[in-house]
Amino acid sequence: MKGLLLDAYLIDTKYLKATQIKLACNWDQAFYKAYLDKEKGKLIIDEEANKAYIEELKQDKDSDPKTPPDCSKWE
C-alpha cells in the first residue's frame, strides 16, 4: 500500500528499506534523524543529518521504485 509521508517521524528506521520509503508520497518531507533532548523533554530534529539522509536517498537511484507512487490524490 502506498501512502503519504508529510512531516512524518521515521527516526532511525531500522526495518524500512530505501525502496519501501520511496513508495510513499512526499517521503522527502519526512523526519529521519533526530534525538531526544532529555532536559527539554522533546524530540529535536537534526536538520543537517536529516537533510543529508534525504539527499543520500535521492542519490541512490538503485532504490527508486519501478513504479513511482501516484501522489495526485494527495495534491
C-alpha atoms as a PDB file:
ATOM      1  CA  MET A   1       0.000   0.000   0.000  1.00  0.00           C
ATOM      2  CA  LYS A   2       1.312   3.423  -0.911  1.00  0.00           C
ATOM      3  CA  GLY A   3       0.608   6.398   1.316  1.00  0.00           C
ATOM      4  CA  LEU A   4       1.545   9.912   2.215  1.00  0.00           C
ATOM      5  CA  LEU A   5       4.523  10.957   4.326  1.00  0.00           C
ATOM      6  CA  LEU A   6       4.289  14.596   5.243  1.00  0.00           C
ATOM      7  CA  ASP A   7       6.095  15.659   8.394  1.00  0.00           C
ATOM      8  CA  ALA A   8       6.146  12.002   9.458  1.00  0.00           C
ATOM      9  CA  TYR A   9       8.631  10.864  12.076  1.00  0.00           C
ATOM     10  CA  LEU A  10      10.624   7.857  10.881  1.00  0.00           C
ATOM     11  CA  ILE A  11      13.530   8.309  13.250  1.00  0.00           C
ATOM     12  CA  ASP A  12      16.348   5.815  12.748  1.00  0.00           C
ATOM     13  CA  THR A  13      14.184   3.394  10.812  1.00  0.00           C
ATOM     14  CA  LYS A  14      15.874   0.016  11.012  1.00  0.00           C
ATOM     15  CA  TYR A  15      13.479  -2.189   9.119  1.00  0.00           C
ATOM     16  CA  LEU A  16      12.423   0.023   6.219  1.00  0.00           C
ATOM     17  CA  LYS A  17      14.477  -0.236   3.080  1.00  0.00           C
ATOM     18  CA  ALA A  18      15.077   2.811   0.893  1.00  0.00           C
ATOM     19  CA  THR A  19      12.815   1.324  -1.780  1.00  0.00           C
ATOM     20  CA  GLN A  20       9.997   0.993   0.746  1.00  0.00           C
ATOM     21  CA  ILE A  21      10.440   4.585   1.903  1.00  0.00           C
ATOM     22  CA  LYS A  22      10.345   5.849  -1.674  1.00  0.00           C
ATOM     23  CA  LEU A  23       6.998   4.127  -2.284  1.00  0.00           C
ATOM     24  CA  ALA A  24       5.336   6.789  -0.133  1.00  0.00           C
ATOM     25  CA  CYS A  25       4.337  10.197  -1.417  1.00  0.00           C
ATOM     26  CA  ASN A  26       6.407  13.060  -0.036  1.00  0.00           C
ATOM     27  CA  TRP A  27       8.963  10.710   1.512  1.00  0.00           C
ATOM     28  CA  ASP A  28      11.493  13.517   1.167  1.00  0.00           C
ATOM     29  CA  GLN A  29       9.491  15.613   3.653  1.00  0.00           C
ATOM     30  CA  ALA A  30       9.628  13.109   6.500  1.00  0.00           C
ATOM     31  CA  PHE A  31      11.953  13.281   9.510  1.00  0.00           C
ATOM     32  CA  TYR A  32      14.550  10.518   9.774  1.00  0.00           C
ATOM     33  CA  LYS A  33      17.256  11.930  12.026  1.00  0.00           C
ATOM     34  CA  ALA A  34      16.569  13.326  15.498  1.00  0.00           C
ATOM     35  CA  TYR A  35      17.497  12.929  19.131  1.00  0.00           C
ATOM     36  CA  LEU A  36      15.686  13.196  22.442  1.00  0.00           C
ATOM     37  CA  ASP A  37      16.597  16.275  24.473  1.00  0.00           C
ATOM     38  CA  LYS A  38      16.008  14.943  27.976  1.00  0.00           C
ATOM     39  CA  GLU A  39      16.225  18.381  29.586  1.00  0.00           C
ATOM     40  CA  LYS A  40      13.550  19.837  27.318  1.00  0.00           C
ATOM     41  CA  GLY A  41      11.655  16.556  27.179  1.00  0.00           C
ATOM     42  CA  LYS A  42      11.176  16.692  23.437  1.00  0.00           C
ATOM     43  CA  LEU A  43      12.427  15.322  20.182  1.00  0.00           C
ATOM     44  CA  ILE A  44      14.877  17.593  18.353  1.00  0.00           C
ATOM     45  CA  ILE A  45      15.206  17.177  14.606  1.00  0.00           C
ATOM     46  CA  ASP A  46      18.825  17.104  13.473  1.00  0.00           C
ATOM     47  CA  GLU A  47      18.189  19.285  10.418  1.00  0.00           C
ATOM     48  CA  GLU A  48      21.593  18.769   8.812  1.00  0.00           C
ATOM     49  CA  ALA A  49      21.649  14.998   9.320  1.00  0.00           C
ATOM     50  CA  ASN A  50      18.050  14.749   8.116  1.00  0.00           C
ATOM     51  CA  LYS A  51      18.826  16.791   5.004  1.00  0.00           C
ATOM     52  CA  ALA A  52      21.935  14.680   4.312  1.00  0.00           C
ATOM     53  CA  TYR A  53      19.982  11.438   4.705  1.00  0.00           C
ATOM     54  CA  ILE A  54      17.266  12.604   2.292  1.00  0.00           C
ATOM     55  CA  GLU A  55      19.931  13.681  -0.207  1.00  0.00           C
ATOM     56  CA  GLU A  56      21.598  10.270   0.158  1.00  0.00           C
ATOM     57  CA  LEU A  57      18.270   8.583  -0.598  1.00  0.00           C
ATOM     58  CA  LYS A  58      17.735  10.816  -3.635  1.00  0.00           C
ATOM     59  CA  GLN A  59      21.178   9.952  -4.984  1.00  0.00           C
ATOM     60  CA  ASP A  60      20.553   6.204  -4.549  1.00  0.00           C
ATOM     61  CA  LYS A  61      18.887   5.612  -7.907  1.00  0.00           C
ATOM     62  CA  ASP A  62      19.007   1.820  -7.401  1.00  0.00           C
ATOM     63  CA  SER A  63      16.406   2.206  -4.658  1.00  0.00           C
ATOM     64  CA  ASP A  64      13.922   4.089  -6.846  1.00  0.00           C
ATOM     65  CA  PRO A  65      10.677   2.109  -7.159  1.00  0.00           C
ATOM     66  CA  LYS A  66       9.998   0.598 -10.580  1.00  0.00           C
ATOM     67  CA  THR A  67       6.600   2.288 -10.496  1.00  0.00           C
ATOM     68  CA  PRO A  68       6.645   5.682  -8.783  1.00  0.00           C
ATOM     69  CA  PRO A  69       3.753   6.364  -6.394  1.00  0.00           C
ATOM     70  CA  ASP A  70       0.733   8.216  -7.762  1.00  0.00           C
ATOM     71  CA  CYS A  71       0.622  11.254  -5.499  1.00  0.00           C
ATOM     72  CA  SER A  72      -2.099  13.078  -7.412  1.00  0.00           C
ATOM     73  CA  LYS A  73      -4.784  12.184  -4.866  1.00  0.00           C
ATOM     74  CA  TRP A  74      -2.761  13.940  -2.144  1.00  0.00           C
ATOM     75  CA  GLU A  75      -2.282  17.197  -4.047  1.00  0.00           C
END
